[in-house]
Protein backbone atom coordinates (compact mmCIF):
# COMPACT_ATOMS: atom_id res chain seq x y z
CA MET A 1 25.71 -76.99 29.80
CA GLY A 2 24.40 -78.00 26.36
CA LYS A 3 23.54 -81.55 25.46
CA ALA A 4 26.27 -83.60 23.87
CA LYS A 5 25.70 -84.64 20.25
CA TYR A 6 26.71 -87.96 18.73
CA LYS A 7 27.29 -89.25 15.23
CA PHE A 8 27.02 -92.93 14.14
CA ASN A 9 30.26 -94.42 12.96
CA PRO A 10 29.56 -97.23 10.49
CA GLU A 11 33.13 -98.57 10.69
CA SER A 12 33.07 -99.11 14.41
CA LEU A 13 29.32 -99.56 14.56
CA SER A 14 29.19 -97.12 17.43
CA PHE A 15 28.18 -93.57 18.19
CA ASP A 16 31.03 -91.15 18.40
CA ARG A 17 30.68 -87.90 20.28
CA ILE A 18 30.80 -84.87 18.00
CA THR A 19 33.32 -82.31 18.97
CA LEU A 20 33.30 -78.96 17.13
CA GLY A 21 36.38 -77.06 16.29
CA PHE A 22 36.81 -73.33 16.43
CA ARG A 23 36.14 -72.98 12.69
CA ASP A 24 32.88 -74.92 12.94
CA ILE A 25 31.75 -72.85 15.92
CA LEU A 26 32.56 -69.63 14.06
CA LEU A 27 30.67 -70.75 10.95
CA ARG A 28 27.65 -71.71 12.97
CA PHE A 29 27.73 -68.41 14.83
CA MET A 30 27.94 -66.50 11.58
CA ALA A 31 25.05 -68.49 10.14
CA TYR A 32 22.88 -67.76 13.15
CA PHE A 33 23.93 -64.14 13.18
CA LEU A 34 23.21 -63.57 9.49
CA GLY A 35 19.91 -65.40 9.76
CA SER A 36 18.95 -63.21 12.68
CA LEU A 37 19.88 -60.08 10.72
CA PHE A 38 17.85 -61.28 7.76
CA ILE A 39 14.80 -61.94 9.93
CA ALA A 40 15.27 -58.59 11.67
CA ALA A 41 15.43 -56.86 8.31
CA ILE A 42 12.21 -58.53 7.23
CA TYR A 43 10.54 -57.46 10.46
CA GLY A 44 11.90 -53.93 9.99
CA VAL A 45 10.52 -53.66 6.45
CA ILE A 46 7.14 -55.01 7.56
CA PHE A 47 7.08 -52.62 10.53
CA THR A 48 8.08 -49.68 8.34
CA ILE A 49 5.37 -50.45 5.80
CA PHE A 50 2.53 -50.99 8.22
CA PHE A 51 3.58 -48.90 11.22
CA ASP A 52 4.82 -45.25 11.47
CA SER A 53 7.72 -44.21 13.58
CA PRO A 54 7.15 -41.43 16.15
CA LYS A 55 9.00 -39.00 13.87
CA GLU A 56 6.90 -40.01 10.87
CA LYS A 57 3.74 -39.64 12.93
CA ALA A 58 4.84 -36.15 13.98
CA LEU A 59 5.63 -35.24 10.37
CA LYS A 60 2.27 -36.54 9.15
CA ARG A 61 0.48 -34.52 11.82
CA GLU A 62 2.45 -31.46 10.73
CA ILE A 63 1.54 -32.09 7.06
CA GLU A 64 -2.13 -32.44 8.01
CA GLN A 65 -1.98 -29.19 9.96
CA LEU A 66 -0.24 -27.41 7.07
CA THR A 67 -2.82 -28.77 4.62
CA LEU A 68 -5.59 -27.48 6.87
CA GLN A 69 -3.86 -24.10 7.08
CA TYR A 70 -3.59 -23.95 3.30
CA GLU A 71 -7.29 -24.74 2.96
CA LEU A 72 -8.17 -22.03 5.49
CA MET A 73 -5.88 -19.60 3.66
CA ASN A 74 -7.65 -20.44 0.41
CA ARG A 75 -11.00 -19.64 1.99
CA GLU A 76 -9.70 -16.36 3.39
CA MET A 77 -8.22 -15.44 0.02
CA ASP A 78 -11.57 -16.23 -1.63
CA ASN A 79 -13.18 -13.76 0.79
CA MET A 80 -10.46 -11.20 0.05
CA GLU A 81 -11.06 -11.57 -3.68
CA LYS A 82 -14.77 -10.97 -3.11
CA ILE A 83 -13.97 -7.81 -1.13
CA LEU A 84 -11.59 -6.63 -3.86
CA ASP A 85 -14.25 -7.31 -6.50
CA HIS A 86 -16.71 -5.23 -4.46
CA LEU A 87 -14.15 -2.41 -4.23
CA LYS A 88 -13.65 -2.66 -7.98
CA GLU A 89 -17.39 -2.38 -8.64
CA THR A 90 -17.67 0.59 -6.27
CA ASP A 91 -14.60 2.20 -7.80
CA ASP A 92 -15.78 1.85 -11.41
CA ASN A 93 -19.51 2.48 -10.93
CA LEU A 94 -19.55 5.07 -8.15
CA TYR A 95 -16.31 6.91 -7.47
CA ARG A 96 -15.22 7.20 -11.09
CA THR A 97 -18.73 8.17 -12.13
CA ILE A 98 -18.72 10.98 -9.55
CA PHE A 99 -15.35 12.25 -10.76
CA GLU A 100 -16.23 11.73 -14.43
CA ALA A 101 -13.29 9.35 -14.94
CA GLU A 102 -13.04 6.29 -17.15
CA PRO A 103 -13.20 2.90 -15.37
CA VAL A 104 -9.96 0.98 -14.98
CA PRO A 105 -9.72 -1.40 -17.99
CA SER A 106 -10.56 -5.00 -17.15
CA THR A 107 -7.44 -6.11 -19.06
CA LEU A 108 -5.37 -4.24 -16.49
CA ARG A 109 -7.31 -5.54 -13.50
CA GLU A 110 -7.50 -9.17 -14.68
CA GLY A 111 -4.20 -9.35 -16.56
CA GLY A 112 -2.13 -12.50 -16.16
CA ILE A 113 0.94 -12.87 -14.00
CA GLY A 114 4.15 -12.72 -16.02
CA GLY A 115 6.75 -15.45 -16.16
CA ILE A 116 6.99 -18.92 -17.70
CA ASN A 117 5.69 -21.56 -15.28
CA ARG A 118 6.35 -19.48 -12.18
CA TYR A 119 5.23 -22.39 -10.02
CA LYS A 120 7.52 -25.12 -11.40
CA GLU A 121 9.53 -25.29 -8.18
CA LEU A 122 6.35 -26.15 -6.26
CA GLU A 123 5.46 -29.14 -8.42
CA ASN A 124 7.59 -31.61 -6.43
CA TYR A 125 5.65 -31.24 -3.20
CA SER A 126 3.20 -33.96 -2.16
CA ASN A 127 0.37 -31.38 -2.03
CA ALA A 128 1.59 -29.59 -5.13
CA LYS A 129 -1.91 -28.88 -6.51
CA LEU A 130 -3.08 -27.20 -3.31
CA ILE A 131 0.15 -25.25 -2.87
CA ILE A 132 0.22 -24.03 -6.50
CA GLU A 133 -3.44 -23.00 -6.39
CA THR A 134 -2.79 -21.04 -3.19
CA ALA A 135 0.26 -19.35 -4.73
CA LYS A 136 -1.79 -18.40 -7.83
CA LYS A 137 -4.57 -16.90 -5.71
CA LEU A 138 -2.04 -14.94 -3.68
CA ASP A 139 -0.46 -13.55 -6.86
CA ARG A 140 -3.90 -12.56 -8.22
CA ILE A 141 -4.78 -10.80 -4.97
CA LYS A 142 -1.44 -8.98 -4.89
CA LYS A 143 -1.98 -7.76 -8.46
CA LYS A 144 -5.54 -6.63 -7.72
CA ILE A 145 -4.38 -4.78 -4.61
CA VAL A 146 -1.65 -2.98 -6.57
CA VAL A 147 -4.09 -1.97 -9.34
CA GLN A 148 -6.73 -0.87 -6.81
CA SER A 149 -4.16 1.08 -4.82
CA LYS A 150 -3.07 2.97 -7.94
CA SER A 151 -6.73 3.59 -8.79
CA PHE A 152 -7.36 5.06 -5.32
CA ASP A 153 -4.28 7.28 -5.71
CA GLU A 154 -5.77 8.55 -8.96
CA LEU A 155 -9.16 9.09 -7.27
CA ILE A 156 -7.49 11.09 -4.48
CA SER A 157 -5.88 13.28 -7.14
CA LEU A 158 -9.23 13.65 -8.91
CA ALA A 159 -10.94 14.49 -5.61
CA ARG A 160 -8.42 17.22 -4.90
CA GLU A 161 -8.88 18.57 -8.41
CA LYS A 162 -12.66 18.34 -8.05
CA GLU A 163 -12.47 20.14 -4.69
CA GLU A 164 -10.44 22.89 -6.34
CA MET A 165 -12.94 23.05 -9.21
CA LEU A 166 -15.93 23.23 -6.85
CA ALA A 167 -14.26 26.08 -4.99
CA SER A 168 -13.51 27.86 -8.29
CA ILE A 169 -16.92 27.62 -9.98
CA PRO A 170 -18.86 30.89 -9.58
CA ALA A 171 -21.52 29.88 -7.07
CA ILE A 172 -22.69 32.92 -5.09
CA MET A 173 -24.25 36.28 -5.89
CA PRO A 174 -21.68 39.06 -6.33
CA VAL A 175 -23.44 41.43 -3.89
CA SER A 176 -25.29 40.89 -0.66
CA ASN A 177 -28.86 40.16 -1.73
CA LYS A 178 -30.48 38.15 1.07
CA ASP A 179 -34.02 39.34 0.40
CA LEU A 180 -33.43 39.33 -3.41
CA THR A 181 -34.64 42.95 -3.67
CA ARG A 182 -31.42 44.04 -5.37
CA THR A 183 -32.13 41.77 -8.34
CA ALA A 184 -32.79 43.88 -11.41
CA SER A 185 -32.47 43.02 -15.07
CA GLY A 186 -31.58 39.45 -15.99
CA TRP A 187 -30.31 37.41 -18.92
CA GLY A 188 -32.04 37.80 -22.27
CA LEU A 189 -33.50 40.37 -24.65
CA ARG A 190 -33.87 43.76 -22.96
CA ILE A 191 -34.45 47.37 -24.01
CA HIS A 192 -31.19 49.28 -23.80
CA PRO A 193 -31.68 52.19 -21.34
CA ILE A 194 -29.80 54.69 -23.51
CA TYR A 195 -30.20 53.47 -27.10
CA LYS A 196 -33.84 52.41 -26.49
CA ILE A 197 -33.46 49.42 -28.77
CA VAL A 198 -33.86 45.72 -28.00
CA ARG A 199 -30.50 44.11 -27.35
CA PHE A 200 -29.42 40.89 -25.75
CA HIS A 201 -28.35 41.41 -22.17
CA TYR A 202 -25.47 38.99 -21.49
CA GLY A 203 -25.49 39.23 -17.73
CA MET A 204 -27.44 40.18 -14.64
CA ASP A 205 -27.83 43.62 -13.02
CA PHE A 206 -27.95 44.17 -9.27
CA THR A 207 -29.05 47.58 -7.99
CA ALA A 208 -27.11 48.82 -4.96
CA PRO A 209 -25.85 52.11 -3.53
CA VAL A 210 -22.43 53.35 -4.60
CA GLY A 211 -19.79 51.79 -2.35
CA THR A 212 -21.62 48.49 -1.80
CA GLU A 213 -19.14 45.64 -1.52
CA VAL A 214 -18.71 43.36 -4.55
CA TYR A 215 -17.60 39.78 -3.92
CA ALA A 216 -15.60 37.31 -5.98
CA THR A 217 -18.06 34.52 -6.71
CA GLY A 218 -15.42 31.78 -6.82
CA ASP A 219 -11.71 31.19 -6.24
CA GLY A 220 -9.53 32.51 -9.02
CA VAL A 221 -6.97 35.04 -10.20
CA VAL A 222 -7.68 38.66 -11.15
CA GLU A 223 -7.05 38.59 -14.89
CA SER A 224 -7.63 42.25 -15.67
CA ILE A 225 -8.57 45.53 -14.00
CA ILE A 226 -9.77 48.18 -16.43
CA SER A 227 -10.69 51.79 -15.70
CA SER A 228 -12.93 53.32 -18.36
CA ARG A 229 -15.66 55.90 -18.83
CA ARG A 230 -17.32 53.90 -21.60
CA GLY A 231 -18.95 50.52 -21.96
CA TYR A 232 -18.44 48.45 -18.83
CA GLY A 233 -16.80 51.41 -17.09
CA ASN A 234 -14.46 50.38 -14.30
CA HIS A 235 -14.54 46.59 -14.37
CA ILE A 236 -12.71 43.48 -13.19
CA VAL A 237 -12.34 40.09 -14.88
CA VAL A 238 -11.55 37.10 -12.66
CA ASN A 239 -10.24 33.88 -14.22
CA HIS A 240 -11.42 30.94 -12.13
CA GLY A 241 -9.80 28.22 -14.22
CA PHE A 242 -11.64 25.16 -15.52
CA GLY A 243 -13.01 27.36 -18.33
CA TYR A 244 -14.79 29.88 -16.05
CA LYS A 245 -14.42 33.66 -16.01
CA THR A 246 -16.55 36.34 -14.35
CA LEU A 247 -16.90 40.05 -15.08
CA TYR A 248 -17.87 42.78 -12.58
CA ALA A 249 -18.74 46.07 -14.33
CA HIS A 250 -19.55 49.73 -13.57
CA LEU A 251 -17.51 49.70 -10.35
CA ASP A 252 -16.76 52.80 -8.34
CA ARG A 253 -13.32 51.58 -7.26
CA PHE A 254 -11.21 48.43 -6.96
CA ASN A 255 -10.02 46.45 -3.95
CA VAL A 256 -7.62 44.08 -5.72
CA ARG A 257 -4.70 44.25 -8.11
CA GLN A 258 -4.09 42.42 -11.39
CA GLY A 259 -2.67 38.91 -10.88
CA GLN A 260 -3.92 38.70 -7.31
CA LYS A 261 -5.40 35.39 -6.13
CA VAL A 262 -8.86 35.71 -4.63
CA LYS A 263 -11.17 33.39 -2.71
CA ARG A 264 -14.92 33.10 -3.02
CA GLY A 265 -16.43 35.87 -0.91
CA ASP A 266 -13.41 38.20 -1.02
CA VAL A 267 -14.28 41.87 -1.57
CA ILE A 268 -12.78 42.77 -4.93
CA GLY A 269 -14.44 46.16 -5.55
CA PHE A 270 -17.35 48.47 -4.84
CA VAL A 271 -20.55 49.21 -6.73
CA GLY A 272 -20.46 52.37 -8.85
CA ASN A 273 -22.10 54.07 -11.79
CA THR A 274 -19.25 54.26 -14.27
CA GLY A 275 -19.28 53.65 -18.01
CA LEU A 276 -22.52 53.20 -19.95
CA SER A 277 -24.83 53.07 -16.92
CA ILE A 278 -27.99 54.94 -15.95
CA ALA A 279 -27.90 54.21 -12.18
CA PRO A 280 -25.63 52.75 -9.52
CA HIS A 281 -25.58 49.01 -10.06
CA LEU A 282 -23.36 46.01 -10.70
CA HIS A 283 -23.42 44.31 -14.09
CA TYR A 284 -22.28 40.70 -13.61
CA GLU A 285 -21.39 38.15 -16.29
CA VAL A 286 -20.31 34.50 -16.29
CA GLU A 287 -18.29 32.99 -19.13
CA LEU A 288 -17.72 29.29 -19.69
CA ASN A 289 -15.18 28.16 -22.29
CA GLY A 290 -15.38 31.52 -24.01
CA ILE A 291 -19.20 31.61 -24.18
CA LYS A 292 -21.30 33.88 -21.99
CA VAL A 293 -23.90 31.97 -19.97
CA ASP A 294 -26.85 32.87 -17.74
CA PRO A 295 -25.42 33.93 -14.33
CA SER A 296 -28.60 32.89 -12.52
CA ASN A 297 -27.60 29.26 -13.05
CA TYR A 298 -24.57 29.84 -10.82
CA PHE A 299 -26.13 31.00 -7.55
CA PHE A 300 -26.62 27.46 -6.18
CA HIS A 301 -24.36 28.12 -3.18
CA ASP A 302 -26.59 30.98 -2.04
CA LEU A 303 -30.13 30.06 -3.00
CA THR A 304 -32.70 27.41 -2.19
CA PRO A 305 -34.75 26.06 -5.11
CA GLU A 306 -37.61 28.37 -4.10
CA GLU A 307 -35.31 31.41 -3.96
CA TYR A 308 -33.82 30.50 -7.33
CA GLU A 309 -37.27 30.41 -8.94
CA ARG A 310 -38.04 33.78 -7.37
CA ILE A 311 -34.83 35.45 -8.54
CA VAL A 312 -35.40 34.19 -12.10
CA GLU A 313 -38.95 35.55 -11.99
CA ILE A 314 -37.80 38.94 -10.67
CA ALA A 315 -35.01 39.21 -13.26
CA SER A 316 -37.36 38.34 -16.12
CA ARG A 317 -39.91 41.04 -15.22
CA SER A 318 -37.64 43.91 -16.15
CA GLY A 319 -37.94 44.80 -19.81
CA GLN A 320 -35.06 47.23 -19.61
CA SER A 321 -31.45 46.74 -18.53
CA PHE A 322 -29.36 49.24 -16.59
CA ASP A 323 -26.51 49.27 -19.11
């Protein structure tokens, strides 16, 4: 039971006991209650400012982890950019050099990302600078990957074309000539066997018995088959594409038809002695972009460097051609 309270009464010069009514009790209760709430609020603000709640602590730990992840992602993306730069250097300076293609323009590789302030929606985050920088790096990497992917697609196409070209270039001897003994007259000024005058010999002659197999020296299409008793006699022209054509003259008979596709090494005819010829042999010519060129430069698939030097020496000894 609480202590009784008294109040001095100056009229009666005595102390009267104070008795509180319901209204007074209610007012006092409300005063205490509001004061307590006020003090609690002050404590709450102080606690909130200087101490984190469990949820806030969890969120801060999550933010720290996310920040660390962003930093690790930035490092990984830096490494990816270095790898892409290495691929770019290899692409421009090696692959495109091999395939005789122009490098990808730097303006295309390093071009900016379109859009006006693409990262505006990220500016309200607490780590906006880190997040925006990461987003920019990711966009740069994506663009570089797209450009490099398209470049590799182009290189694959060039490689296929180059493979087709390598298969089409005349690169073997048109008759079997392992010991090089069938090599006769070569490219250059020679005495014509019939007219006995010096004329330029635009091909190479290979001596061989009638009926010896004649091979297509590269992939191509039989452009023409001509039977004649004059000039080249019975002869075949093969169009290899890429500016190359080959001629096989003085044949005995043919083994292909006009328009037929042939592969390097296919038997297209047989050695003969037709046309303006003094002995069974094959007259072979190579044409590049409409100009006749020295066939001996196109035996690289068959000959070692030493054999090439020997065949050139043998071909140059003959002062007279066979046709």
